[in-house]
């Protein structure tokens, strides 16, 4: 009986959040970037047609990135560096803002991080397998954007 009494307020409290998520499943925040860069990120994610979106994408200074990696006990395979990582339980993607290397770099590695979410796995191999399809879709976006620029420039 006591359990039931405690469960009712819990479910009443989370119901509005569940409705928002069901109605608009592309709700995620992008933190620590300019509006222009956020628009690029959203366009890239939309073009990848990813089934599982992150809750947040956080661009943080290098020192905060290192701190988050330590707190979340990030395990980087030997011989590899890390410029972004995904924390699966919170569906958060952390990006080392000091190591940002342009839109193509971002799309390439964001596809990998979204691969972790799609497979719900910390395995680099699983994430990379999933990322291959996302990168193909992202390439189509780049190709169509380049074609549009060429058409506009030829007028």
N, C-alpha and C. Protein backbone atom coordinates (compact mmCIF):
# COMPACT_ATOMS: atom_id res chain seq x y z
N UNK A 1 0.82 -1.19 0.00
CA UNK A 1 0.00 0.00 0.00
C UNK A 1 0.86 1.26 0.00
N UNK A 2 1.92 1.26 0.84
CA UNK A 2 2.80 2.42 0.89
C UNK A 2 3.47 2.66 -0.45
N UNK A 3 3.86 1.58 -1.12
CA UNK A 3 4.49 1.71 -2.42
C UNK A 3 3.55 2.38 -3.41
N UNK A 4 2.29 2.00 -3.40
CA UNK A 4 1.30 2.60 -4.29
C UNK A 4 1.15 4.08 -4.01
N UNK A 5 1.14 4.45 -2.76
CA UNK A 5 1.01 5.85 -2.38
C UNK A 5 2.17 6.67 -2.93
N UNK A 6 3.37 6.13 -2.93
CA UNK A 6 4.54 6.84 -3.43
C UNK A 6 4.63 6.82 -4.95
N UNK A 7 4.11 5.78 -5.58
CA UNK A 7 4.19 5.69 -7.03
C UNK A 7 3.26 6.67 -7.74
N UNK A 8 2.10 6.93 -7.17
CA UNK A 8 1.14 7.83 -7.82
C UNK A 8 1.73 9.22 -8.02
N UNK A 9 2.28 9.88 -6.99
CA UNK A 9 2.87 11.21 -7.23
C UNK A 9 4.04 11.15 -8.22
N UNK A 10 4.79 10.07 -8.18
CA UNK A 10 5.92 9.93 -9.10
C UNK A 10 5.44 9.94 -10.55
N UNK A 11 4.45 9.11 -10.85
CA UNK A 11 3.95 9.05 -12.22
C UNK A 11 3.23 10.33 -12.63
N UNK A 12 2.57 10.98 -11.70
CA UNK A 12 1.94 12.26 -12.02
C UNK A 12 2.99 13.32 -12.33
N UNK A 13 4.11 13.24 -11.66
CA UNK A 13 5.17 14.22 -11.89
C UNK A 13 5.87 14.02 -13.23
N UNK A 14 6.05 12.77 -13.64
CA UNK A 14 6.78 12.54 -14.90
C UNK A 14 5.86 12.53 -16.12
N UNK A 15 4.57 12.47 -15.95
CA UNK A 15 3.65 12.42 -17.09
C UNK A 15 3.79 13.59 -18.05
N UNK A 16 3.87 14.86 -17.58
CA UNK A 16 4.02 15.96 -18.53
C UNK A 16 5.31 15.86 -19.35
N UNK A 17 6.39 15.44 -18.74
CA UNK A 17 7.65 15.30 -19.47
C UNK A 17 7.54 14.20 -20.52
N UNK A 18 6.87 13.13 -20.19
CA UNK A 18 6.69 12.03 -21.15
C UNK A 18 5.84 12.48 -22.32
N UNK A 19 4.81 13.30 -22.07
CA UNK A 19 3.97 13.79 -23.15
C UNK A 19 4.76 14.70 -24.07
N UNK A 20 5.57 15.58 -23.52
CA UNK A 20 6.39 16.46 -24.34
C UNK A 20 7.33 15.65 -25.21
N UNK A 21 7.96 14.65 -24.63
CA UNK A 21 8.89 13.81 -25.38
C UNK A 21 8.16 13.07 -26.49
N UNK A 22 6.96 12.58 -26.23
CA UNK A 22 6.21 11.83 -27.24
C UNK A 22 5.75 12.74 -28.37
N UNK A 23 5.35 13.96 -28.04
CA UNK A 23 4.86 14.88 -29.05
C UNK A 23 6.00 15.40 -29.91
N UNK A 24 7.09 15.77 -29.29
CA UNK A 24 8.20 16.36 -30.01
C UNK A 24 9.47 15.60 -29.67
N UNK A 25 9.73 14.52 -30.40
CA UNK A 25 10.85 13.66 -30.04
C UNK A 25 12.20 14.19 -30.51
N UNK A 26 12.23 15.39 -31.09
CA UNK A 26 13.52 15.95 -31.47
C UNK A 26 13.98 17.02 -30.49
N UNK A 27 13.44 16.97 -29.27
CA UNK A 27 13.81 17.94 -28.25
C UNK A 27 15.15 17.52 -27.65
N UNK A 28 16.16 18.31 -27.93
CA UNK A 28 17.46 18.13 -27.30
C UNK A 28 18.11 19.50 -27.26
N UNK A 29 19.00 19.68 -26.33
CA UNK A 29 19.65 20.97 -26.20
C UNK A 29 21.08 20.88 -26.72
N UNK A 30 21.52 21.98 -27.26
CA UNK A 30 22.91 22.12 -27.68
C UNK A 30 23.45 23.28 -26.86
N UNK A 31 24.46 23.00 -26.05
CA UNK A 31 24.95 24.00 -25.10
C UNK A 31 26.40 24.37 -25.42
N UNK A 32 26.71 25.64 -25.23
CA UNK A 32 28.09 26.10 -25.35
C UNK A 32 28.53 26.45 -26.75
N UNK A 33 27.57 26.72 -27.67
CA UNK A 33 27.92 27.07 -29.04
C UNK A 33 27.13 28.29 -29.49
N UNK A 34 27.57 28.86 -30.60
CA UNK A 34 26.84 29.98 -31.19
C UNK A 34 25.58 29.45 -31.87
N UNK A 35 24.66 30.34 -32.14
CA UNK A 35 23.42 29.96 -32.82
C UNK A 35 23.72 29.37 -34.20
N UNK A 36 24.72 29.90 -34.87
CA UNK A 36 25.09 29.39 -36.20
C UNK A 36 25.59 27.95 -36.13
N UNK A 37 26.46 27.68 -35.17
CA UNK A 37 26.99 26.32 -35.03
C UNK A 37 25.90 25.36 -34.57
N UNK A 38 24.99 25.84 -33.73
CA UNK A 38 23.88 24.99 -33.31
C UNK A 38 23.01 24.61 -34.51
N UNK A 39 22.77 25.56 -35.40
CA UNK A 39 21.98 25.28 -36.60
C UNK A 39 22.67 24.22 -37.46
N UNK A 40 23.98 24.28 -37.57
CA UNK A 40 24.74 23.28 -38.33
C UNK A 40 24.58 21.90 -37.70
N UNK A 41 24.71 21.84 -36.39
CA UNK A 41 24.59 20.56 -35.67
C UNK A 41 23.20 19.97 -35.89
N UNK A 42 22.18 20.79 -35.72
CA UNK A 42 20.81 20.30 -35.89
C UNK A 42 20.56 19.82 -37.32
N UNK A 43 21.09 20.54 -38.30
CA UNK A 43 20.93 20.14 -39.70
C UNK A 43 21.64 18.80 -39.95
N UNK A 44 22.84 18.64 -39.38
CA UNK A 44 23.57 17.40 -39.54
C UNK A 44 22.81 16.22 -38.91
N UNK A 45 22.35 16.40 -37.71
CA UNK A 45 21.62 15.32 -37.02
C UNK A 45 20.34 14.99 -37.78
N UNK A 46 19.64 16.00 -38.26
CA UNK A 46 18.42 15.75 -39.01
C UNK A 46 18.72 14.96 -40.29
N UNK A 47 19.80 15.29 -40.97
CA UNK A 47 20.13 14.59 -42.22
C UNK A 47 20.54 13.14 -41.96
N UNK A 48 21.07 12.86 -40.77
CA UNK A 48 21.47 11.49 -40.45
C UNK A 48 20.26 10.60 -40.18
N UNK A 49 19.10 11.21 -39.94
CA UNK A 49 17.86 10.48 -39.65
C UNK A 49 18.08 9.45 -38.54
N UNK A 50 18.62 9.93 -37.47
CA UNK A 50 18.99 9.07 -36.33
C UNK A 50 17.76 8.71 -35.50
N UNK A 51 17.57 7.42 -35.19
CA UNK A 51 16.38 7.01 -34.45
C UNK A 51 16.39 7.37 -32.96
N UNK A 52 17.56 7.51 -32.37
CA UNK A 52 17.66 7.81 -30.94
C UNK A 52 18.48 9.08 -30.78
N UNK A 53 17.81 10.14 -30.38
CA UNK A 53 18.49 11.43 -30.24
C UNK A 53 19.08 11.59 -28.85
N UNK A 54 20.16 12.36 -28.76
CA UNK A 54 20.69 12.65 -27.42
C UNK A 54 19.75 13.63 -26.71
N UNK A 55 19.86 13.69 -25.40
CA UNK A 55 19.12 14.70 -24.65
C UNK A 55 19.85 16.04 -24.70
N UNK A 56 21.17 15.97 -24.75
CA UNK A 56 21.95 17.21 -24.81
C UNK A 56 23.28 16.96 -25.49
N UNK A 57 23.76 18.01 -26.14
CA UNK A 57 25.10 18.02 -26.71
C UNK A 57 25.79 19.21 -26.07
N UNK A 58 26.87 18.94 -25.36
CA UNK A 58 27.54 19.99 -24.60
C UNK A 58 28.94 20.23 -25.14
N UNK A 59 29.20 21.45 -25.58
CA UNK A 59 30.54 21.88 -25.95
C UNK A 59 31.14 22.54 -24.71
N UNK A 60 32.23 22.00 -24.24
CA UNK A 60 32.83 22.51 -23.00
C UNK A 60 34.33 22.76 -23.23
N UNK A 61 34.92 23.68 -22.45
CA UNK A 61 36.36 23.90 -22.55
C UNK A 61 37.12 22.62 -22.18
N UNK A 62 38.36 22.53 -22.62
CA UNK A 62 39.15 21.32 -22.44
C UNK A 62 39.19 20.86 -20.98
N UNK A 63 39.39 21.79 -20.04
CA UNK A 63 39.50 21.38 -18.64
C UNK A 63 38.19 20.77 -18.14
N UNK A 64 37.03 21.30 -18.59
CA UNK A 64 35.75 20.71 -18.18
C UNK A 64 35.54 19.36 -18.86
N UNK A 65 36.02 19.23 -20.09
CA UNK A 65 35.92 17.97 -20.81
C UNK A 65 36.69 16.89 -20.06
N UNK A 66 37.91 17.22 -19.63
CA UNK A 66 38.72 16.25 -18.88
C UNK A 66 38.05 15.89 -17.55
N UNK A 67 37.47 16.88 -16.91
CA UNK A 67 36.78 16.63 -15.64
C UNK A 67 35.58 15.70 -15.86
N UNK A 68 34.77 15.98 -16.89
CA UNK A 68 33.60 15.14 -17.18
C UNK A 68 34.04 13.72 -17.52
N UNK A 69 35.10 13.59 -18.30
CA UNK A 69 35.61 12.26 -18.66
C UNK A 69 36.04 11.49 -17.41
N UNK A 70 36.63 12.20 -16.47
CA UNK A 70 37.06 11.56 -15.22
C UNK A 70 35.85 11.17 -14.37
N UNK A 71 34.89 12.08 -14.23
CA UNK A 71 33.71 11.81 -13.42
C UNK A 71 32.92 10.63 -13.98
N UNK A 72 32.77 10.59 -15.30
CA UNK A 72 32.01 9.51 -15.94
C UNK A 72 32.85 8.28 -16.24
N UNK A 73 34.10 8.30 -15.79
CA UNK A 73 35.02 7.17 -15.93
C UNK A 73 35.12 6.70 -17.38
N UNK A 74 35.41 7.66 -18.27
CA UNK A 74 35.57 7.37 -19.68
C UNK A 74 36.79 6.48 -19.89
N UNK A 75 36.61 5.39 -20.63
CA UNK A 75 37.71 4.48 -20.95
C UNK A 75 38.03 4.63 -22.42
N UNK A 76 39.18 5.23 -22.72
CA UNK A 76 39.60 5.42 -24.10
C UNK A 76 40.55 4.29 -24.47
N UNK A 77 40.28 3.60 -25.60
CA UNK A 77 41.18 2.51 -26.01
C UNK A 77 42.62 3.01 -26.16
N UNK A 78 43.56 2.14 -25.86
CA UNK A 78 44.98 2.49 -25.93
C UNK A 78 45.34 2.98 -27.33
N UNK A 79 46.09 4.07 -27.38
CA UNK A 79 46.53 4.62 -28.65
C UNK A 79 45.53 5.54 -29.31
N UNK A 80 44.39 5.76 -28.68
CA UNK A 80 43.38 6.64 -29.26
C UNK A 80 43.23 7.89 -28.40
N UNK A 81 42.90 8.98 -29.03
CA UNK A 81 42.60 10.20 -28.31
C UNK A 81 41.09 10.36 -28.25
N UNK A 82 40.63 11.30 -27.47
CA UNK A 82 39.20 11.52 -27.34
C UNK A 82 38.92 13.01 -27.45
N UNK A 83 38.06 13.37 -28.39
CA UNK A 83 37.66 14.76 -28.56
C UNK A 83 36.18 14.95 -28.28
N UNK A 84 35.46 13.83 -28.20
CA UNK A 84 34.06 13.86 -27.80
C UNK A 84 33.70 12.48 -27.29
N UNK A 85 32.74 12.43 -26.39
CA UNK A 85 32.28 11.14 -25.89
C UNK A 85 30.80 11.21 -25.54
N UNK A 86 30.18 10.04 -25.45
CA UNK A 86 28.78 9.93 -25.11
C UNK A 86 28.64 9.25 -23.76
N UNK A 87 27.86 9.84 -22.88
CA UNK A 87 27.52 9.21 -21.62
C UNK A 87 26.15 8.58 -21.82
N UNK A 88 26.11 7.27 -21.98
CA UNK A 88 24.88 6.56 -22.33
C UNK A 88 23.73 6.74 -21.33
N UNK A 89 23.98 6.62 -20.01
CA UNK A 89 22.83 6.72 -19.09
C UNK A 89 22.08 8.05 -19.17
N UNK A 90 22.79 9.14 -19.47
CA UNK A 90 22.12 10.44 -19.56
C UNK A 90 21.89 10.88 -21.01
N UNK A 91 22.31 10.05 -21.97
CA UNK A 91 22.22 10.37 -23.39
C UNK A 91 22.79 11.75 -23.68
N UNK A 92 23.96 12.00 -23.11
CA UNK A 92 24.64 13.28 -23.29
C UNK A 92 25.91 13.08 -24.11
N UNK A 93 26.12 14.00 -25.05
CA UNK A 93 27.34 13.99 -25.85
C UNK A 93 28.18 15.18 -25.40
N UNK A 94 29.41 14.91 -25.01
CA UNK A 94 30.33 15.95 -24.58
C UNK A 94 31.36 16.17 -25.68
N UNK A 95 31.57 17.43 -26.06
CA UNK A 95 32.53 17.78 -27.10
C UNK A 95 33.56 18.71 -26.50
N UNK A 96 34.83 18.39 -26.73
CA UNK A 96 35.93 19.25 -26.29
C UNK A 96 35.97 20.45 -27.24
N UNK A 97 35.42 21.58 -26.81
CA UNK A 97 35.31 22.76 -27.66
C UNK A 97 36.67 23.29 -28.11
N UNK A 98 37.71 23.08 -27.30
CA UNK A 98 39.03 23.56 -27.66
C UNK A 98 39.65 22.76 -28.79
N UNK A 99 39.10 21.59 -29.07
CA UNK A 99 39.63 20.74 -30.14
C UNK A 99 38.70 20.67 -31.35
N UNK A 100 37.72 21.55 -31.39
CA UNK A 100 36.78 21.61 -32.51
C UNK A 100 37.56 21.88 -33.79
N UNK A 101 37.23 21.11 -34.85
CA UNK A 101 38.02 21.22 -36.08
C UNK A 101 37.13 21.35 -37.32
N UNK A 102 36.04 22.07 -37.21
CA UNK A 102 35.20 22.36 -38.37
C UNK A 102 33.97 21.49 -38.50
N UNK A 103 33.12 21.87 -39.45
CA UNK A 103 31.83 21.21 -39.63
C UNK A 103 31.96 19.76 -40.07
N UNK A 104 32.86 19.48 -41.02
CA UNK A 104 33.01 18.10 -41.49
C UNK A 104 33.52 17.20 -40.37
N UNK A 105 34.48 17.68 -39.60
CA UNK A 105 34.99 16.93 -38.45
C UNK A 105 33.87 16.63 -37.48
N UNK A 106 33.07 17.67 -37.21
CA UNK A 106 31.96 17.52 -36.26
C UNK A 106 30.97 16.47 -36.74
N UNK A 107 30.56 16.54 -38.00
CA UNK A 107 29.60 15.58 -38.53
C UNK A 107 30.13 14.16 -38.49
N UNK A 108 31.41 13.99 -38.85
CA UNK A 108 32.02 12.66 -38.87
C UNK A 108 31.97 12.02 -37.48
N UNK A 109 32.41 12.77 -36.48
CA UNK A 109 32.49 12.20 -35.13
C UNK A 109 31.16 12.20 -34.40
N UNK A 110 30.29 13.14 -34.75
CA UNK A 110 28.95 13.12 -34.17
C UNK A 110 28.21 11.86 -34.62
N UNK A 111 28.43 11.44 -35.87
CA UNK A 111 27.83 10.19 -36.36
C UNK A 111 28.29 9.02 -35.49
N UNK A 112 29.56 9.01 -35.11
CA UNK A 112 30.08 7.95 -34.24
C UNK A 112 29.40 7.97 -32.88
N UNK A 113 29.28 9.15 -32.30
CA UNK A 113 28.65 9.26 -30.98
C UNK A 113 27.17 8.86 -31.05
N UNK A 114 26.49 9.24 -32.12
CA UNK A 114 25.10 8.82 -32.28
C UNK A 114 25.02 7.31 -32.48
N UNK A 115 26.08 6.72 -33.04
CA UNK A 115 26.15 5.27 -33.16
C UNK A 115 26.14 4.59 -31.79
N UNK A 116 26.82 5.20 -30.82
CA UNK A 116 26.78 4.67 -29.45
C UNK A 116 25.34 4.67 -28.93
N UNK A 117 24.61 5.76 -29.20
CA UNK A 117 23.23 5.85 -28.73
C UNK A 117 22.33 4.85 -29.44
N UNK A 118 22.52 4.70 -30.75
CA UNK A 118 21.67 3.78 -31.53
C UNK A 118 21.85 2.34 -31.08
N UNK A 119 23.09 1.96 -30.77
CA UNK A 119 23.36 0.58 -30.36
C UNK A 119 23.25 0.41 -28.86
N UNK A 120 23.16 1.53 -28.12
CA UNK A 120 23.16 1.52 -26.67
C UNK A 120 24.34 0.71 -26.14
N UNK A 121 25.49 1.01 -26.72
CA UNK A 121 26.69 0.24 -26.42
C UNK A 121 27.89 1.17 -26.31
N UNK A 122 28.77 0.85 -25.39
CA UNK A 122 30.02 1.60 -25.25
C UNK A 122 31.09 1.07 -26.21
N UNK A 123 30.78 0.01 -26.93
CA UNK A 123 31.73 -0.60 -27.86
C UNK A 123 32.02 0.34 -29.03
N UNK A 124 33.30 0.59 -29.26
CA UNK A 124 33.71 1.46 -30.38
C UNK A 124 33.36 0.81 -31.72
N UNK A 125 33.49 -0.50 -31.80
CA UNK A 125 33.20 -1.21 -33.04
C UNK A 125 31.71 -1.11 -33.38
N UNK A 126 30.85 -1.29 -32.40
CA UNK A 126 29.40 -1.19 -32.62
C UNK A 126 29.02 0.22 -33.07
N UNK A 127 29.59 1.20 -32.40
CA UNK A 127 29.29 2.60 -32.74
C UNK A 127 29.76 2.93 -34.15
N UNK A 128 30.92 2.43 -34.51
CA UNK A 128 31.47 2.72 -35.83
C UNK A 128 30.64 2.06 -36.93
N UNK A 129 30.15 0.85 -36.68
CA UNK A 129 29.29 0.17 -37.66
C UNK A 129 28.02 0.99 -37.91
N UNK A 130 27.42 1.47 -36.85
CA UNK A 130 26.20 2.28 -36.98
C UNK A 130 26.51 3.61 -37.64
N UNK A 131 27.67 4.17 -37.36
CA UNK A 131 28.05 5.48 -37.89
C UNK A 131 28.23 5.48 -39.40
N UNK A 132 28.58 4.34 -39.98
CA UNK A 132 28.80 4.28 -41.43
C UNK A 132 27.56 4.74 -42.20
N UNK A 133 26.40 4.27 -41.80
CA UNK A 133 25.16 4.66 -42.48
C UNK A 133 24.88 6.14 -42.27
N UNK A 134 25.10 6.65 -41.06
CA UNK A 134 24.85 8.06 -40.78
C UNK A 134 25.77 8.94 -41.61
N UNK A 135 27.01 8.51 -41.78
CA UNK A 135 27.97 9.29 -42.58
C UNK A 135 27.57 9.33 -44.06
N UNK A 136 27.00 8.24 -44.56
CA UNK A 136 26.51 8.24 -45.95
C UNK A 136 25.40 9.27 -46.10
N UNK A 137 24.49 9.31 -45.14
CA UNK A 137 23.39 10.27 -45.20
C UNK A 137 23.92 11.70 -45.09
N UNK A 138 24.91 11.89 -44.25
CA UNK A 138 25.52 13.21 -44.09
C UNK A 138 26.22 13.63 -45.37
N UNK A 139 26.84 12.71 -46.05
CA UNK A 139 27.51 13.00 -47.32
C UNK A 139 26.49 13.48 -48.36
N UNK A 140 25.31 12.88 -48.35
CA UNK A 140 24.26 13.33 -49.27
C UNK A 140 23.89 14.78 -49.00
N UNK A 141 23.84 15.17 -47.72
CA UNK A 141 23.54 16.55 -47.36
C UNK A 141 24.63 17.48 -47.90
N UNK A 142 25.89 17.09 -47.73
CA UNK A 142 27.01 17.91 -48.23
C UNK A 142 26.95 18.04 -49.75
N UNK A 143 26.65 16.94 -50.42
CA UNK A 143 26.59 16.95 -51.88
C UNK A 143 25.47 17.86 -52.37
N UNK A 144 24.29 17.74 -51.76
CA UNK A 144 23.17 18.59 -52.19
C UNK A 144 23.43 20.05 -51.85
N UNK A 145 24.10 20.34 -50.75
CA UNK A 145 24.45 21.72 -50.40
C UNK A 145 25.44 22.29 -51.40
N UNK A 146 26.42 21.49 -51.80
CA UNK A 146 27.41 21.94 -52.78
C UNK A 146 26.75 22.20 -54.13
N UNK A 147 25.80 21.35 -54.51
CA UNK A 147 25.09 21.54 -55.78
C UNK A 147 24.27 22.83 -55.75
N UNK A 148 23.61 23.10 -54.61
CA UNK A 148 22.83 24.32 -54.48
C UNK A 148 23.73 25.56 -54.59
N UNK A 149 24.89 25.51 -53.97
CA UNK A 149 25.83 26.64 -54.04
C UNK A 149 26.29 26.86 -55.47
N UNK A 150 26.53 25.78 -56.20
CA UNK A 150 26.96 25.88 -57.59
C UNK A 150 25.86 26.51 -58.44
N UNK A 151 24.63 26.07 -58.23
CA UNK A 151 23.51 26.62 -58.99
C UNK A 151 23.32 28.11 -58.70
N UNK A 152 23.40 28.50 -57.45
CA UNK A 152 23.23 29.89 -57.07
C UNK A 152 24.37 30.74 -57.63
N UNK A 153 25.59 30.19 -57.61
CA UNK A 153 26.76 30.91 -58.10
C UNK A 153 26.76 31.08 -59.61
N UNK A 154 26.10 30.19 -60.34
CA UNK A 154 26.10 30.26 -61.80
C UNK A 154 25.05 31.22 -62.34
N UNK A 155 24.19 31.74 -61.49
CA UNK A 155 23.14 32.67 -61.95
C UNK A 155 23.67 34.02 -62.22
